[in-house]
C-alpha cells in the first residue's frame, strides 16, 4: 500500500512532467528522472540518463513538438516497496494550436518512481502507442505500417540485437 503523502507526491511528479513538457523545457523535464534513468520513447529508442533525455527532447521541444501539451490519466499506482512505485498511465499529445489530442497519438506509459533522499523521481519510463490489432481495419493498418517500415527504413539507428544482448 502506498502512503497517502507518497501518492500525492507521485501525482504531483506527473503534473510536473506535464508542465515541463508544456514549457518546452528539456532540462527541467529530464530533472524529474534519476540521473541514470532508462527512458524508452514510443519509437522504441532507449535514452539513458539526463544527458540523453535532454539531447532527444530539446530538438523535439524546439521544432516538431514546439507548443504541444501532454495529457495524462493515471490508471494505477502499485507499491513494489516503500520507496518504489509502478505507475501506469494513458496519455496523448495536444499539438500546438489544437484543443484536442489526436487519436493516433494515444499511448500507454509504464513508469517506475523511486524515492531517494526523501524525493520522488522517475527511474524508468516506457511509452507505447495504443494500436490494438482487433478487427480487419486495424489488422490492415498494422500490416501496411509494417510493410512501409520494411520498405522505407534504411537503418535501425545503429541498434543491433548483439548490442542489446551484451548490455
N, C-alpha and C. Protein backbone atom coordinates (compact mmCIF):
# COMPACT_ATOMS: atom_id res chain seq x y z
N UNK A 1 0.84 -1.19 0.00
CA UNK A 1 0.00 0.00 0.00
C UNK A 1 0.88 1.25 0.00
N UNK A 2 0.45 2.23 -0.75
CA UNK A 2 1.20 3.48 -0.86
C UNK A 2 0.72 4.45 0.22
N UNK A 3 1.66 5.02 0.93
CA UNK A 3 1.31 6.03 1.93
C UNK A 3 0.67 7.22 1.21
N UNK A 4 -0.38 7.80 1.78
CA UNK A 4 -1.07 8.92 1.09
C UNK A 4 -0.16 10.08 0.71
N UNK A 5 0.84 10.41 1.53
CA UNK A 5 1.73 11.52 1.17
C UNK A 5 2.61 11.14 -0.02
N UNK A 6 2.99 9.86 -0.11
CA UNK A 6 3.77 9.41 -1.26
C UNK A 6 2.92 9.41 -2.52
N UNK A 7 1.68 8.98 -2.41
CA UNK A 7 0.79 9.01 -3.58
C UNK A 7 0.61 10.44 -4.08
N UNK A 8 0.41 11.36 -3.16
CA UNK A 8 0.28 12.77 -3.54
C UNK A 8 1.55 13.26 -4.24
N UNK A 9 2.70 12.89 -3.70
CA UNK A 9 3.98 13.34 -4.29
C UNK A 9 4.16 12.77 -5.70
N UNK A 10 3.77 11.52 -5.90
CA UNK A 10 3.91 10.91 -7.23
C UNK A 10 2.94 11.56 -8.21
N UNK A 11 1.73 11.82 -7.78
CA UNK A 11 0.76 12.51 -8.65
C UNK A 11 1.26 13.91 -9.00
N UNK A 12 1.88 14.59 -8.05
CA UNK A 12 2.46 15.91 -8.32
C UNK A 12 3.64 15.80 -9.29
N UNK A 13 4.41 14.72 -9.19
CA UNK A 13 5.53 14.49 -10.11
C UNK A 13 5.01 14.34 -11.54
N UNK A 14 3.89 13.64 -11.70
CA UNK A 14 3.27 13.51 -13.03
C UNK A 14 2.84 14.88 -13.53
N UNK A 15 2.24 15.68 -12.67
CA UNK A 15 1.82 17.04 -13.07
C UNK A 15 3.03 17.89 -13.47
N UNK A 16 4.14 17.73 -12.76
CA UNK A 16 5.37 18.45 -13.12
C UNK A 16 5.87 18.01 -14.49
N UNK A 17 5.76 16.72 -14.77
CA UNK A 17 6.16 16.18 -16.07
C UNK A 17 5.37 16.88 -17.19
N UNK A 18 4.06 17.00 -16.99
CA UNK A 18 3.20 17.66 -17.98
C UNK A 18 3.57 19.14 -18.12
N UNK A 19 3.84 19.79 -17.00
CA UNK A 19 4.17 21.22 -17.03
C UNK A 19 5.51 21.47 -17.73
N UNK A 20 6.50 20.64 -17.46
CA UNK A 20 7.81 20.82 -18.11
C UNK A 20 7.71 20.59 -19.61
N UNK A 21 6.89 19.61 -20.02
CA UNK A 21 6.66 19.37 -21.45
C UNK A 21 6.00 20.61 -22.07
N UNK A 22 4.95 21.09 -21.45
CA UNK A 22 4.22 22.25 -21.99
C UNK A 22 5.13 23.48 -22.08
N UNK A 23 6.06 23.60 -21.14
CA UNK A 23 7.00 24.73 -21.16
C UNK A 23 8.12 24.52 -22.18
N UNK A 24 8.22 23.30 -22.72
CA UNK A 24 9.28 23.01 -23.68
C UNK A 24 10.66 23.03 -23.05
N UNK A 25 10.74 22.67 -21.78
CA UNK A 25 11.98 22.76 -21.03
C UNK A 25 12.59 21.36 -20.86
N UNK A 26 13.50 21.00 -21.76
CA UNK A 26 14.10 19.67 -21.75
C UNK A 26 14.91 19.42 -20.49
N UNK A 27 15.60 20.44 -19.99
CA UNK A 27 16.41 20.27 -18.78
C UNK A 27 15.53 20.00 -17.57
N UNK A 28 14.47 20.77 -17.40
CA UNK A 28 13.56 20.56 -16.27
C UNK A 28 12.83 19.22 -16.40
N UNK A 29 12.49 18.85 -17.63
CA UNK A 29 11.84 17.56 -17.89
C UNK A 29 12.77 16.42 -17.44
N UNK A 30 14.02 16.47 -17.86
CA UNK A 30 14.98 15.42 -17.51
C UNK A 30 15.25 15.38 -16.01
N UNK A 31 15.17 16.53 -15.35
CA UNK A 31 15.44 16.59 -13.90
C UNK A 31 14.39 15.83 -13.08
N UNK A 32 13.26 15.49 -13.70
CA UNK A 32 12.23 14.72 -13.00
C UNK A 32 12.58 13.23 -12.96
N UNK A 33 13.67 12.87 -13.62
CA UNK A 33 14.14 11.49 -13.68
C UNK A 33 15.44 11.36 -12.90
N UNK A 34 15.74 10.15 -12.45
CA UNK A 34 17.01 9.92 -11.78
C UNK A 34 18.13 10.10 -12.81
N UNK A 35 19.34 10.43 -12.36
CA UNK A 35 20.44 10.65 -13.31
C UNK A 35 20.72 9.45 -14.20
N UNK A 36 20.40 8.24 -13.74
CA UNK A 36 20.67 7.02 -14.52
C UNK A 36 19.39 6.42 -15.12
N UNK A 37 18.36 7.22 -15.28
CA UNK A 37 17.06 6.72 -15.73
C UNK A 37 17.13 6.05 -17.10
N UNK A 38 16.24 5.07 -17.29
CA UNK A 38 16.02 4.43 -18.60
C UNK A 38 14.72 4.98 -19.16
N UNK A 39 14.76 5.51 -20.37
CA UNK A 39 13.60 6.18 -20.98
C UNK A 39 13.42 5.61 -22.38
N UNK A 40 12.34 4.86 -22.58
CA UNK A 40 12.06 4.28 -23.89
C UNK A 40 10.91 5.06 -24.52
N UNK A 41 11.19 5.72 -25.63
CA UNK A 41 10.19 6.52 -26.34
C UNK A 41 9.26 5.61 -27.14
N UNK A 42 8.19 6.19 -27.68
CA UNK A 42 7.19 5.42 -28.40
C UNK A 42 7.77 4.66 -29.60
N UNK A 43 8.89 5.17 -30.13
CA UNK A 43 9.51 4.53 -31.30
C UNK A 43 10.50 3.43 -30.92
N UNK A 44 10.61 3.15 -29.62
CA UNK A 44 11.48 2.07 -29.17
C UNK A 44 12.91 2.48 -28.90
N UNK A 45 13.24 3.75 -29.05
CA UNK A 45 14.61 4.20 -28.83
C UNK A 45 14.84 4.41 -27.33
N UNK A 46 15.93 3.82 -26.84
CA UNK A 46 16.29 3.92 -25.43
C UNK A 46 17.19 5.12 -25.19
N UNK A 47 16.79 5.93 -24.23
CA UNK A 47 17.61 7.05 -23.78
C UNK A 47 18.04 6.73 -22.35
N UNK A 48 19.33 6.87 -22.07
CA UNK A 48 19.85 6.54 -20.75
C UNK A 48 20.38 7.80 -20.09
N UNK A 49 19.75 8.18 -19.00
CA UNK A 49 20.23 9.29 -18.20
C UNK A 49 19.81 10.66 -18.69
N UNK A 50 20.10 11.63 -17.84
CA UNK A 50 19.69 13.02 -18.11
C UNK A 50 20.20 13.54 -19.44
N UNK A 51 21.48 13.33 -19.72
CA UNK A 51 22.06 13.91 -20.94
C UNK A 51 21.34 13.44 -22.20
N UNK A 52 21.04 12.14 -22.27
CA UNK A 52 20.35 11.62 -23.47
C UNK A 52 18.90 12.07 -23.51
N UNK A 53 18.24 12.13 -22.36
CA UNK A 53 16.85 12.61 -22.34
C UNK A 53 16.80 14.06 -22.83
N UNK A 54 17.73 14.87 -22.37
CA UNK A 54 17.80 16.27 -22.83
C UNK A 54 18.11 16.33 -24.31
N UNK A 55 19.11 15.57 -24.75
CA UNK A 55 19.54 15.61 -26.15
C UNK A 55 18.41 15.24 -27.10
N UNK A 56 17.56 14.32 -26.71
CA UNK A 56 16.45 13.91 -27.58
C UNK A 56 15.29 14.90 -27.48
N UNK A 57 14.98 15.37 -26.28
CA UNK A 57 13.79 16.22 -26.11
C UNK A 57 14.01 17.67 -26.52
N UNK A 58 15.22 18.17 -26.39
CA UNK A 58 15.47 19.58 -26.75
C UNK A 58 15.05 19.88 -28.19
N UNK A 59 15.51 19.12 -29.19
CA UNK A 59 15.06 19.43 -30.56
C UNK A 59 13.57 19.16 -30.77
N UNK A 60 13.01 18.21 -30.06
CA UNK A 60 11.57 17.99 -30.17
C UNK A 60 10.80 19.22 -29.70
N UNK A 61 11.21 19.75 -28.54
CA UNK A 61 10.53 20.92 -27.98
C UNK A 61 10.79 22.19 -28.79
N UNK A 62 11.91 22.24 -29.49
CA UNK A 62 12.23 23.42 -30.28
C UNK A 62 11.64 23.38 -31.69
N UNK A 63 11.28 22.19 -32.16
CA UNK A 63 10.82 22.09 -33.54
C UNK A 63 9.50 21.32 -33.65
N UNK A 64 9.58 20.00 -33.70
CA UNK A 64 8.42 19.18 -34.06
C UNK A 64 7.29 19.21 -33.05
N UNK A 65 7.63 19.32 -31.77
CA UNK A 65 6.58 19.32 -30.74
C UNK A 65 6.51 20.66 -30.01
N UNK A 66 7.03 21.70 -30.65
CA UNK A 66 7.01 23.04 -30.05
C UNK A 66 5.56 23.46 -29.78
N UNK A 67 5.32 23.89 -28.56
CA UNK A 67 3.98 24.36 -28.19
C UNK A 67 2.98 23.26 -27.91
N UNK A 68 3.43 22.02 -27.91
CA UNK A 68 2.50 20.91 -27.63
C UNK A 68 2.32 20.74 -26.12
N UNK A 69 1.26 20.03 -25.77
CA UNK A 69 0.97 19.70 -24.38
C UNK A 69 0.66 18.22 -24.28
N UNK A 70 0.97 17.66 -23.13
CA UNK A 70 0.63 16.26 -22.89
C UNK A 70 -0.64 16.18 -22.04
N UNK A 71 -1.36 15.10 -22.23
CA UNK A 71 -2.45 14.74 -21.32
C UNK A 71 -2.02 13.47 -20.62
N UNK A 72 -2.52 13.25 -19.44
CA UNK A 72 -2.20 12.02 -18.72
C UNK A 72 -3.33 11.67 -17.77
N UNK A 73 -3.60 10.38 -17.72
CA UNK A 73 -4.57 9.86 -16.75
C UNK A 73 -3.89 8.66 -16.09
N UNK A 74 -3.67 8.78 -14.80
CA UNK A 74 -3.06 7.67 -14.08
C UNK A 74 -4.07 6.54 -13.97
N UNK A 75 -3.67 5.38 -14.45
CA UNK A 75 -4.53 4.19 -14.39
C UNK A 75 -4.32 3.43 -13.09
N UNK A 76 -3.07 3.36 -12.65
CA UNK A 76 -2.79 2.64 -11.41
C UNK A 76 -1.46 3.05 -10.83
N UNK A 77 -1.39 2.94 -9.52
CA UNK A 77 -0.16 3.11 -8.76
C UNK A 77 -0.04 1.85 -7.90
N UNK A 78 1.12 1.18 -7.97
CA UNK A 78 1.30 -0.04 -7.19
C UNK A 78 2.66 -0.01 -6.52
N UNK A 79 2.65 -0.06 -5.20
CA UNK A 79 3.90 -0.07 -4.45
C UNK A 79 4.60 -1.40 -4.63
N UNK A 80 5.85 -1.36 -5.08
CA UNK A 80 6.68 -2.56 -5.17
C UNK A 80 7.50 -2.70 -3.89
N UNK A 81 7.75 -1.57 -3.24
CA UNK A 81 8.38 -1.49 -1.93
C UNK A 81 8.02 -0.09 -1.40
N UNK A 82 8.38 0.23 -0.16
CA UNK A 82 8.02 1.57 0.33
C UNK A 82 8.59 2.72 -0.49
N UNK A 83 9.70 2.47 -1.22
CA UNK A 83 10.36 3.53 -1.99
C UNK A 83 10.35 3.30 -3.49
N UNK A 84 9.54 2.35 -3.97
CA UNK A 84 9.45 2.05 -5.40
C UNK A 84 7.98 1.85 -5.77
N UNK A 85 7.50 2.62 -6.74
CA UNK A 85 6.10 2.55 -7.15
C UNK A 85 6.02 2.40 -8.67
N UNK A 86 5.23 1.42 -9.10
CA UNK A 86 4.94 1.20 -10.52
C UNK A 86 3.73 2.05 -10.89
N UNK A 87 3.86 2.83 -11.96
CA UNK A 87 2.80 3.74 -12.41
C UNK A 87 2.41 3.36 -13.84
N UNK A 88 1.12 3.20 -14.06
CA UNK A 88 0.61 3.04 -15.43
C UNK A 88 -0.27 4.23 -15.74
N UNK A 89 -0.06 4.82 -16.93
CA UNK A 89 -0.83 6.00 -17.35
C UNK A 89 -1.25 5.84 -18.80
N UNK A 90 -2.32 6.51 -19.15
CA UNK A 90 -2.71 6.71 -20.55
C UNK A 90 -2.44 8.18 -20.84
N UNK A 91 -1.91 8.44 -22.01
CA UNK A 91 -1.61 9.82 -22.33
C UNK A 91 -1.72 10.10 -23.81
N UNK A 92 -1.64 11.37 -24.13
CA UNK A 92 -1.75 11.80 -25.51
C UNK A 92 -1.05 13.14 -25.65
N UNK A 93 -0.92 13.60 -26.87
CA UNK A 93 -0.29 14.88 -27.16
C UNK A 93 -1.30 15.79 -27.83
N UNK A 94 -1.41 16.99 -27.33
CA UNK A 94 -2.20 18.03 -27.99
C UNK A 94 -1.20 18.93 -28.71
N UNK A 95 -1.27 18.91 -30.01
CA UNK A 95 -0.30 19.67 -30.80
C UNK A 95 -0.59 21.17 -30.70
N UNK A 96 0.43 21.98 -30.97
CA UNK A 96 0.30 23.43 -30.91
C UNK A 96 -0.87 23.90 -31.77
N UNK A 97 -1.65 24.81 -31.23
CA UNK A 97 -2.79 25.37 -31.95
C UNK A 97 -4.03 24.50 -31.93
N UNK A 98 -3.95 23.33 -31.35
CA UNK A 98 -5.09 22.41 -31.28
C UNK A 98 -5.68 22.43 -29.88
N UNK A 99 -6.94 22.02 -29.79
CA UNK A 99 -7.62 21.95 -28.50
C UNK A 99 -7.81 20.52 -28.00
N UNK A 100 -7.74 19.59 -28.95
CA UNK A 100 -7.99 18.18 -28.61
C UNK A 100 -6.79 17.34 -29.04
N UNK A 101 -6.55 16.25 -28.32
CA UNK A 101 -5.46 15.35 -28.74
C UNK A 101 -5.84 14.56 -29.98
N UNK A 102 -4.82 14.13 -30.69
CA UNK A 102 -5.04 13.32 -31.89
C UNK A 102 -5.17 11.85 -31.49
N UNK A 103 -6.23 11.16 -31.94
CA UNK A 103 -6.42 9.76 -31.55
C UNK A 103 -5.23 8.86 -31.87
N UNK A 104 -4.51 9.14 -32.94
CA UNK A 104 -3.38 8.31 -33.33
C UNK A 104 -2.18 8.43 -32.42
N UNK A 105 -2.21 9.37 -31.50
CA UNK A 105 -1.10 9.57 -30.57
C UNK A 105 -1.39 8.98 -29.19
N UNK A 106 -2.53 8.34 -29.02
CA UNK A 106 -2.87 7.74 -27.73
C UNK A 106 -1.81 6.71 -27.35
N UNK A 107 -1.30 6.84 -26.14
CA UNK A 107 -0.22 5.96 -25.68
C UNK A 107 -0.49 5.49 -24.26
N UNK A 108 0.14 4.38 -23.93
CA UNK A 108 0.15 3.91 -22.55
C UNK A 108 1.59 3.95 -22.08
N UNK A 109 1.79 4.41 -20.86
CA UNK A 109 3.13 4.52 -20.31
C UNK A 109 3.25 3.67 -19.05
N UNK A 110 4.42 3.10 -18.90
CA UNK A 110 4.80 2.42 -17.67
C UNK A 110 5.98 3.19 -17.10
N UNK A 111 5.83 3.63 -15.87
CA UNK A 111 6.90 4.37 -15.20
C UNK A 111 7.22 3.69 -13.87
N UNK A 112 8.45 3.82 -13.45
CA UNK A 112 8.86 3.37 -12.13
C UNK A 112 9.34 4.61 -11.39
N UNK A 113 8.68 4.92 -10.29
CA UNK A 113 9.05 6.05 -9.45
C UNK A 113 9.83 5.52 -8.25
N UNK A 114 10.90 6.21 -7.90
CA UNK A 114 11.70 5.83 -6.74
C UNK A 114 11.87 7.03 -5.81
N UNK A 115 11.88 6.73 -4.53
CA UNK A 115 12.09 7.77 -3.52
C UNK A 115 13.54 7.69 -3.07
N UNK A 116 14.29 8.76 -3.34
CA UNK A 116 15.70 8.83 -2.98
C UNK A 116 15.93 10.12 -2.22
N UNK A 117 16.50 9.99 -1.05
CA UNK A 117 16.77 11.16 -0.20
C UNK A 117 15.51 11.99 0.02
N UNK A 118 14.39 11.30 0.19
CA UNK A 118 13.13 11.95 0.51
C UNK A 118 12.36 12.52 -0.67
N UNK A 119 12.91 12.41 -1.89
CA UNK A 119 12.26 12.98 -3.07
C UNK A 119 11.93 11.88 -4.08
N UNK A 120 10.78 12.01 -4.71
CA UNK A 120 10.36 11.05 -5.74
C UNK A 120 10.85 11.51 -7.10
N UNK A 121 11.38 10.58 -7.88
CA UNK A 121 11.79 10.80 -9.26
C UNK A 121 11.44 9.54 -10.05
N UNK A 122 11.35 9.68 -11.35
CA UNK A 122 11.14 8.50 -12.20
C UNK A 122 12.51 7.92 -12.56
N UNK A 123 12.62 6.61 -12.49
CA UNK A 123 13.87 5.96 -12.87
C UNK A 123 13.71 5.13 -14.13
N UNK A 124 12.45 4.91 -14.54
CA UNK A 124 12.19 4.20 -15.79
C UNK A 124 10.89 4.73 -16.39
N UNK A 125 10.88 4.78 -17.73
CA UNK A 125 9.73 5.26 -18.47
C UNK A 125 9.68 4.47 -19.77
N UNK A 126 8.52 3.93 -20.08
CA UNK A 126 8.35 3.22 -21.35
C UNK A 126 7.02 3.66 -21.94
N UNK A 127 7.07 4.17 -23.16
CA UNK A 127 5.91 4.74 -23.84
C UNK A 127 5.58 3.87 -25.06
N UNK A 128 4.34 3.44 -25.17
CA UNK A 128 3.91 2.61 -26.29
C UNK A 128 2.60 3.16 -26.86
N UNK A 129 2.57 3.34 -28.16
CA UNK A 129 1.32 3.75 -28.81
C UNK A 129 0.28 2.65 -28.64
N UNK A 130 -0.96 3.06 -28.47
CA UNK A 130 -2.07 2.11 -28.36
C UNK A 130 -2.50 1.77 -29.79
N UNK A 131 -2.23 0.56 -30.18
CA UNK A 131 -2.54 0.08 -31.53
C UNK A 131 -3.10 -1.34 -31.45
N UNK A 132 -4.30 -1.50 -30.90
CA UNK A 132 -4.84 -2.86 -30.78
C UNK A 132 -5.07 -3.48 -32.16
N UNK A 133 -4.77 -4.75 -32.25
CA UNK A 133 -4.98 -5.47 -33.51
C UNK A 133 -6.26 -6.27 -33.33
N UNK A 134 -7.36 -5.59 -33.48
CA UNK A 134 -8.68 -6.23 -33.37
C UNK A 134 -9.55 -5.70 -34.49
N UNK A 135 -10.02 -6.58 -35.30
CA UNK A 135 -10.84 -6.17 -36.44
C UNK A 135 -10.00 -5.99 -37.68
N UNK A 136 -10.64 -6.16 -38.81
CA UNK A 136 -9.95 -6.16 -40.11
C UNK A 136 -9.23 -4.84 -40.39
N UNK A 137 -9.85 -3.71 -40.07
CA UNK A 137 -9.24 -2.41 -40.37
C UNK A 137 -7.92 -2.24 -39.62
N UNK A 138 -7.90 -2.61 -38.35
CA UNK A 138 -6.68 -2.46 -37.56
C UNK A 138 -5.60 -3.42 -38.02
N UNK A 139 -5.99 -4.63 -38.39
CA UNK A 139 -5.01 -5.60 -38.90
C UNK A 139 -4.39 -5.09 -40.19
N UNK A 140 -5.21 -4.54 -41.07
CA UNK A 140 -4.70 -3.99 -42.33
C UNK A 140 -3.78 -2.80 -42.04
N UNK A 141 -4.20 -1.90 -41.15
CA UNK A 141 -3.36 -0.74 -40.82
C UNK A 141 -2.02 -1.18 -40.25
N UNK A 142 -2.04 -2.16 -39.36
CA UNK A 142 -0.80 -2.66 -38.78
C UNK A 142 0.08 -3.27 -39.88
N UNK A 143 -0.51 -4.09 -40.73
CA UNK A 143 0.24 -4.75 -41.79
C UNK A 143 0.85 -3.76 -42.77
N UNK A 144 0.09 -2.73 -43.15
CA UNK A 144 0.60 -1.72 -44.08
C UNK A 144 1.74 -0.94 -43.43
N UNK A 145 1.59 -0.58 -42.16
CA UNK A 145 2.67 0.17 -41.50
C UNK A 145 3.93 -0.68 -41.39
N UNK A 146 3.78 -1.96 -41.12
CA UNK A 146 4.94 -2.85 -41.07
C UNK A 146 5.62 -2.93 -42.44
N UNK A 147 4.81 -3.02 -43.49
CA UNK A 147 5.35 -3.09 -44.84
C UNK A 147 6.12 -1.80 -45.18
N UNK A 148 5.53 -0.65 -44.86
CA UNK A 148 6.21 0.62 -45.13
C UNK A 148 7.51 0.71 -44.34
N UNK A 149 7.49 0.25 -43.10
CA UNK A 149 8.70 0.29 -42.29
C UNK A 149 9.80 -0.54 -42.96
N UNK A 150 9.44 -1.74 -43.41
CA UNK A 150 10.43 -2.60 -44.06
C UNK A 150 10.94 -1.99 -45.36
N UNK A 151 10.07 -1.35 -46.12
CA UNK A 151 10.46 -0.80 -47.40
C UNK A 151 11.25 0.51 -47.28
N UNK A 152 10.88 1.33 -46.31
CA UNK A 152 11.46 2.68 -46.25
C UNK A 152 12.58 2.84 -45.24
N UNK A 153 12.62 2.00 -44.23
CA UNK A 153 13.67 2.15 -43.22
C UNK A 153 14.99 1.66 -43.77
N UNK A 154 15.96 2.53 -43.76
CA UNK A 154 17.27 2.18 -44.30
C UNK A 154 18.22 1.70 -43.20
N UNK A 155 17.93 2.09 -41.98
CA UNK A 155 18.79 1.68 -40.88
C UNK A 155 17.94 1.59 -39.62
N UNK A 156 18.51 1.00 -38.63
CA UNK A 156 17.79 0.82 -37.38
C UNK A 156 18.46 1.66 -36.29
N UNK A 157 18.86 2.86 -36.66
CA UNK A 157 19.52 3.79 -35.75
C UNK A 157 20.70 3.16 -35.02
N UNK A 158 21.35 2.21 -35.67
CA UNK A 158 22.53 1.61 -35.07
C UNK A 158 22.25 0.51 -34.07
N UNK A 159 21.01 0.22 -33.79
CA UNK A 159 20.70 -0.83 -32.83
C UNK A 159 20.89 -2.19 -33.48
N UNK A 160 21.55 -3.05 -32.75
CA UNK A 160 21.71 -4.42 -33.21
C UNK A 160 21.40 -5.34 -32.04
N UNK A 161 20.82 -6.48 -32.32
CA UNK A 161 20.45 -7.44 -31.30
C UNK A 161 21.67 -7.82 -30.44
N UNK A 162 22.83 -7.95 -31.07
CA UNK A 162 24.02 -8.34 -30.32
C UNK A 162 24.34 -7.32 -29.24
N UNK A 163 24.16 -6.02 -29.54
CA UNK A 163 24.44 -4.98 -28.55
C UNK A 163 23.45 -5.05 -27.41
N UNK A 164 22.18 -5.30 -27.73
CA UNK A 164 21.17 -5.40 -26.69
C UNK A 164 21.45 -6.58 -25.78
N UNK A 165 21.88 -7.69 -26.37
CA UNK A 165 22.18 -8.88 -25.56
C UNK A 165 23.41 -8.69 -24.69
N UNK A 166 24.37 -7.90 -25.17
CA UNK A 166 25.59 -7.66 -24.40
C UNK A 166 25.35 -6.74 -23.21
N UNK A 167 24.34 -5.89 -23.32
CA UNK A 167 24.04 -4.94 -22.23
C UNK A 167 23.38 -5.66 -21.12
